[in-house]
Amino acid sequence: MSYDRCKHCGKWGWDTHVCPPMWYAARPDHDSEDDPETTFADDAESAALKYAEDNFSNWEYPSDLEIWVKRSMEDPWEKFAIEVESVPEFHAGRIK
């Protein structure tokens, strides 16, 4: 048994890993609705949160995002308001 990163959804798991469903996701003021990105999650809300975390947590991000998700290109968009919280991080250094 091996613990590997899935080449489809990116999650880490054992050989028995099953990918969550694929969702199309877009940020309407940033992405094209006709060419959305993909994310993997069990439901629409989780897909919106995962897309926001994957795309807006490693650089300066807005405090609020609107993320749209849908299961297939033929489905209507499900729209979510995402609130982003900054979490302070503290470090200590010894003073001599």
N, C-alpha and C. Protein backbone atom coordinates (compact mmCIF):
# COMPACT_ATOMS: atom_id res chain seq x y z
N MET A 1 0.84 -1.17 0.00
CA MET A 1 0.00 0.00 0.00
C MET A 1 0.89 1.25 0.00
N SER A 2 0.57 2.21 -0.84
CA SER A 2 1.38 3.42 -0.88
C SER A 2 0.49 4.65 -0.66
N TYR A 3 1.10 5.69 -0.14
CA TYR A 3 0.42 6.96 0.13
C TYR A 3 0.96 7.96 -0.88
N ASP A 4 0.15 8.30 -1.89
CA ASP A 4 0.59 9.13 -3.00
C ASP A 4 -0.37 10.27 -3.26
N ARG A 5 0.10 11.25 -4.02
CA ARG A 5 -0.74 12.36 -4.46
C ARG A 5 -1.48 11.96 -5.72
N CYS A 6 -2.78 12.14 -5.74
CA CYS A 6 -3.60 11.77 -6.89
C CYS A 6 -3.28 12.70 -8.06
N LYS A 7 -3.05 12.12 -9.22
CA LYS A 7 -2.72 12.94 -10.40
C LYS A 7 -3.95 13.64 -10.98
N HIS A 8 -5.15 13.29 -10.51
CA HIS A 8 -6.37 13.92 -11.02
C HIS A 8 -6.86 15.07 -10.12
N CYS A 9 -7.05 14.76 -8.83
CA CYS A 9 -7.63 15.77 -7.94
C CYS A 9 -6.60 16.45 -7.04
N GLY A 10 -5.39 15.89 -6.94
CA GLY A 10 -4.34 16.50 -6.14
C GLY A 10 -4.34 16.13 -4.67
N LYS A 11 -5.34 15.38 -4.22
CA LYS A 11 -5.38 14.98 -2.81
C LYS A 11 -4.38 13.86 -2.56
N TRP A 12 -3.88 13.82 -1.33
CA TRP A 12 -3.01 12.73 -0.91
C TRP A 12 -3.88 11.61 -0.36
N GLY A 13 -3.51 10.36 -0.64
CA GLY A 13 -4.29 9.25 -0.12
C GLY A 13 -3.62 7.92 -0.39
N TRP A 14 -4.21 6.89 0.18
CA TRP A 14 -3.73 5.53 -0.01
C TRP A 14 -4.19 5.02 -1.35
N ASP A 15 -3.77 3.83 -1.71
CA ASP A 15 -4.13 3.22 -2.99
C ASP A 15 -5.64 3.16 -3.21
N THR A 16 -6.40 3.17 -2.14
CA THR A 16 -7.86 3.05 -2.24
C THR A 16 -8.56 4.40 -2.43
N HIS A 17 -7.79 5.47 -2.61
CA HIS A 17 -8.36 6.82 -2.77
C HIS A 17 -9.36 6.87 -3.92
N VAL A 18 -10.48 7.54 -3.69
CA VAL A 18 -11.48 7.81 -4.73
C VAL A 18 -11.64 9.32 -4.80
N CYS A 19 -11.44 9.88 -5.99
CA CYS A 19 -11.54 11.33 -6.17
C CYS A 19 -12.96 11.82 -5.88
N PRO A 20 -13.08 12.99 -5.24
CA PRO A 20 -14.40 13.61 -5.12
C PRO A 20 -14.83 14.08 -6.51
N PRO A 21 -16.09 14.41 -6.69
CA PRO A 21 -16.57 14.87 -7.99
C PRO A 21 -15.85 16.14 -8.46
N MET A 22 -15.73 16.27 -9.78
CA MET A 22 -15.13 17.47 -10.36
C MET A 22 -16.20 18.55 -10.52
N TRP A 23 -15.80 19.77 -10.24
CA TRP A 23 -16.67 20.95 -10.38
C TRP A 23 -15.97 21.97 -11.26
N TYR A 24 -16.74 22.74 -11.98
CA TYR A 24 -16.22 23.91 -12.70
C TYR A 24 -16.35 25.10 -11.76
N ALA A 25 -15.35 25.95 -11.74
CA ALA A 25 -15.36 27.09 -10.82
C ALA A 25 -14.82 28.32 -11.52
N ALA A 26 -15.38 29.47 -11.15
CA ALA A 26 -14.93 30.74 -11.72
C ALA A 26 -15.17 31.86 -10.72
N ARG A 27 -14.33 32.85 -10.81
CA ARG A 27 -14.53 34.11 -10.08
C ARG A 27 -14.97 35.10 -11.15
N PRO A 28 -16.23 35.51 -11.16
CA PRO A 28 -16.78 36.27 -12.30
C PRO A 28 -16.04 37.57 -12.61
N ASP A 29 -15.45 38.22 -11.63
CA ASP A 29 -14.73 39.46 -11.92
C ASP A 29 -13.27 39.20 -12.28
N HIS A 30 -12.88 37.92 -12.38
CA HIS A 30 -11.48 37.57 -12.63
C HIS A 30 -11.34 36.55 -13.75
N ASP A 31 -12.28 35.59 -13.85
CA ASP A 31 -12.20 34.50 -14.81
C ASP A 31 -13.32 34.60 -15.84
N SER A 32 -13.14 33.89 -16.94
CA SER A 32 -14.18 33.81 -17.96
C SER A 32 -15.18 32.72 -17.58
N GLU A 33 -16.46 33.04 -17.68
CA GLU A 33 -17.50 32.04 -17.42
C GLU A 33 -17.46 30.92 -18.47
N ASP A 34 -16.95 31.23 -19.65
CA ASP A 34 -16.92 30.25 -20.74
C ASP A 34 -15.72 29.32 -20.66
N ASP A 35 -14.74 29.67 -19.84
CA ASP A 35 -13.53 28.85 -19.70
C ASP A 35 -13.17 28.71 -18.22
N PRO A 36 -14.06 28.07 -17.44
CA PRO A 36 -13.80 27.97 -15.99
C PRO A 36 -12.69 26.98 -15.68
N GLU A 37 -12.16 27.09 -14.48
CA GLU A 37 -11.17 26.14 -14.00
C GLU A 37 -11.90 24.98 -13.34
N THR A 38 -11.17 23.94 -12.97
CA THR A 38 -11.80 22.80 -12.30
C THR A 38 -11.27 22.67 -10.88
N THR A 39 -12.10 22.10 -10.04
CA THR A 39 -11.74 21.78 -8.68
C THR A 39 -12.48 20.50 -8.30
N PHE A 40 -12.07 19.86 -7.24
CA PHE A 40 -12.69 18.60 -6.83
C PHE A 40 -13.21 18.75 -5.41
N ALA A 41 -14.49 18.43 -5.22
CA ALA A 41 -15.11 18.54 -3.90
C ALA A 41 -16.39 17.71 -3.87
N ASP A 42 -16.89 17.47 -2.67
CA ASP A 42 -18.08 16.65 -2.52
C ASP A 42 -19.39 17.39 -2.76
N ASP A 43 -19.38 18.72 -2.61
CA ASP A 43 -20.60 19.49 -2.82
C ASP A 43 -20.24 20.89 -3.31
N ALA A 44 -21.25 21.66 -3.69
CA ALA A 44 -21.03 22.97 -4.29
C ALA A 44 -20.32 23.94 -3.34
N GLU A 45 -20.74 24.00 -2.09
CA GLU A 45 -20.11 24.92 -1.14
C GLU A 45 -18.64 24.56 -0.93
N SER A 46 -18.36 23.28 -0.77
CA SER A 46 -16.97 22.83 -0.60
C SER A 46 -16.14 23.13 -1.84
N ALA A 47 -16.74 23.02 -3.01
CA ALA A 47 -16.04 23.34 -4.26
C ALA A 47 -15.67 24.82 -4.31
N ALA A 48 -16.61 25.70 -3.91
CA ALA A 48 -16.33 27.13 -3.90
C ALA A 48 -15.21 27.46 -2.92
N LEU A 49 -15.26 26.88 -1.72
CA LEU A 49 -14.22 27.12 -0.73
C LEU A 49 -12.86 26.59 -1.19
N LYS A 50 -12.84 25.40 -1.77
CA LYS A 50 -11.58 24.82 -2.22
C LYS A 50 -10.97 25.66 -3.34
N TYR A 51 -11.80 26.11 -4.27
CA TYR A 51 -11.30 26.96 -5.36
C TYR A 51 -10.70 28.25 -4.78
N ALA A 52 -11.38 28.85 -3.83
CA ALA A 52 -10.87 30.08 -3.21
C ALA A 52 -9.55 29.81 -2.49
N GLU A 53 -9.49 28.74 -1.70
CA GLU A 53 -8.27 28.42 -0.96
C GLU A 53 -7.11 28.10 -1.90
N ASP A 54 -7.39 27.35 -2.96
CA ASP A 54 -6.33 26.97 -3.90
C ASP A 54 -5.80 28.14 -4.72
N ASN A 55 -6.64 29.13 -4.97
CA ASN A 55 -6.26 30.20 -5.88
C ASN A 55 -5.98 31.55 -5.22
N PHE A 56 -6.40 31.74 -3.98
CA PHE A 56 -6.26 33.06 -3.39
C PHE A 56 -5.65 33.06 -2.01
N SER A 57 -4.94 32.01 -1.61
CA SER A 57 -4.37 32.00 -0.27
C SER A 57 -2.87 32.20 -0.25
N ASN A 58 -2.21 32.26 -1.38
CA ASN A 58 -0.76 32.40 -1.40
C ASN A 58 -0.29 33.78 -1.85
N TRP A 59 -1.18 34.72 -1.99
CA TRP A 59 -0.81 36.07 -2.37
C TRP A 59 -1.82 37.01 -1.74
N GLU A 60 -1.66 38.28 -1.97
CA GLU A 60 -2.59 39.24 -1.38
C GLU A 60 -3.98 38.97 -1.93
N TYR A 61 -4.90 38.70 -1.06
CA TYR A 61 -6.25 38.33 -1.48
C TYR A 61 -7.24 39.36 -0.98
N PRO A 62 -8.35 39.45 -1.66
CA PRO A 62 -9.39 40.37 -1.18
C PRO A 62 -10.05 39.80 0.06
N SER A 63 -10.76 40.63 0.79
CA SER A 63 -11.43 40.15 2.00
C SER A 63 -12.74 39.43 1.67
N ASP A 64 -13.29 39.69 0.50
CA ASP A 64 -14.51 39.03 0.05
C ASP A 64 -14.36 38.62 -1.40
N LEU A 65 -14.83 37.42 -1.71
CA LEU A 65 -14.79 36.90 -3.08
C LEU A 65 -16.17 36.40 -3.45
N GLU A 66 -16.50 36.47 -4.72
CA GLU A 66 -17.67 35.78 -5.23
C GLU A 66 -17.16 34.66 -6.11
N ILE A 67 -17.55 33.43 -5.79
CA ILE A 67 -17.12 32.27 -6.55
C ILE A 67 -18.36 31.57 -7.08
N TRP A 68 -18.29 31.21 -8.36
CA TRP A 68 -19.39 30.47 -8.99
C TRP A 68 -18.91 29.06 -9.27
N VAL A 69 -19.77 28.07 -9.03
CA VAL A 69 -19.43 26.67 -9.31
C VAL A 69 -20.62 25.97 -9.98
N LYS A 70 -20.29 24.92 -10.73
CA LYS A 70 -21.33 24.07 -11.32
C LYS A 70 -20.73 22.72 -11.65
N ARG A 71 -21.57 21.68 -11.68
CA ARG A 71 -21.09 20.32 -11.92
C ARG A 71 -20.78 20.07 -13.39
N SER A 72 -21.58 20.60 -14.30
CA SER A 72 -21.32 20.40 -15.72
C SER A 72 -21.48 21.74 -16.43
N MET A 73 -20.94 21.83 -17.62
CA MET A 73 -21.00 23.09 -18.36
C MET A 73 -22.45 23.47 -18.71
N GLU A 74 -23.35 22.50 -18.72
CA GLU A 74 -24.76 22.77 -19.05
C GLU A 74 -25.56 23.24 -17.84
N ASP A 75 -25.05 23.02 -16.64
CA ASP A 75 -25.76 23.41 -15.42
C ASP A 75 -25.68 24.92 -15.20
N PRO A 76 -26.67 25.47 -14.49
CA PRO A 76 -26.56 26.88 -14.10
C PRO A 76 -25.52 27.04 -13.00
N TRP A 77 -24.95 28.23 -12.89
CA TRP A 77 -23.95 28.51 -11.85
C TRP A 77 -24.61 28.57 -10.48
N GLU A 78 -23.96 28.00 -9.48
CA GLU A 78 -24.33 28.20 -8.09
C GLU A 78 -23.35 29.23 -7.55
N LYS A 79 -23.86 30.30 -6.98
CA LYS A 79 -23.03 31.44 -6.60
C LYS A 79 -22.84 31.51 -5.09
N PHE A 80 -21.58 31.75 -4.67
CA PHE A 80 -21.24 31.80 -3.26
C PHE A 80 -20.43 33.05 -2.95
N ALA A 81 -20.75 33.67 -1.81
CA ALA A 81 -19.95 34.77 -1.28
C ALA A 81 -18.95 34.15 -0.30
N ILE A 82 -17.66 34.38 -0.53
CA ILE A 82 -16.61 33.82 0.31
C ILE A 82 -15.99 34.95 1.12
N GLU A 83 -15.94 34.78 2.43
CA GLU A 83 -15.27 35.74 3.30
C GLU A 83 -13.89 35.21 3.62
N VAL A 84 -12.89 36.06 3.49
CA VAL A 84 -11.51 35.67 3.76
C VAL A 84 -11.07 36.34 5.05
N GLU A 85 -10.55 35.55 5.99
CA GLU A 85 -10.05 36.08 7.24
C GLU A 85 -8.53 35.99 7.27
N SER A 86 -7.90 37.07 7.63
CA SER A 86 -6.45 37.05 7.84
C SER A 86 -6.19 36.48 9.23
N VAL A 87 -5.28 35.55 9.30
CA VAL A 87 -4.94 34.94 10.58
C VAL A 87 -3.53 35.38 10.94
N PRO A 88 -3.38 36.12 12.04
CA PRO A 88 -2.04 36.57 12.41
C PRO A 88 -1.16 35.39 12.80
N GLU A 89 0.11 35.54 12.51
CA GLU A 89 1.09 34.52 12.87
C GLU A 89 2.20 35.21 13.64
N PHE A 90 2.59 34.65 14.76
CA PHE A 90 3.60 35.26 15.61
C PHE A 90 4.86 34.40 15.65
N HIS A 91 6.01 35.06 15.69
CA HIS A 91 7.29 34.37 15.79
C HIS A 91 8.10 35.05 16.89
N ALA A 92 8.89 34.27 17.58
CA ALA A 92 9.74 34.81 18.64
C ALA A 92 11.19 34.59 18.29
N GLY A 93 12.00 35.55 18.63
CA GLY A 93 13.46 35.44 18.47
C GLY A 93 14.11 35.83 19.77
N ARG A 94 15.07 35.05 20.17
CA ARG A 94 15.75 35.32 21.43
C ARG A 94 16.55 36.63 21.33
N ILE A 95 16.46 37.45 22.36
CA ILE A 95 17.22 38.70 22.43
C ILE A 95 18.43 38.48 23.31
N LYS A 96 19.58 38.84 22.80
CA LYS A 96 20.83 38.64 23.59
C LYS A 96 21.24 39.92 24.24
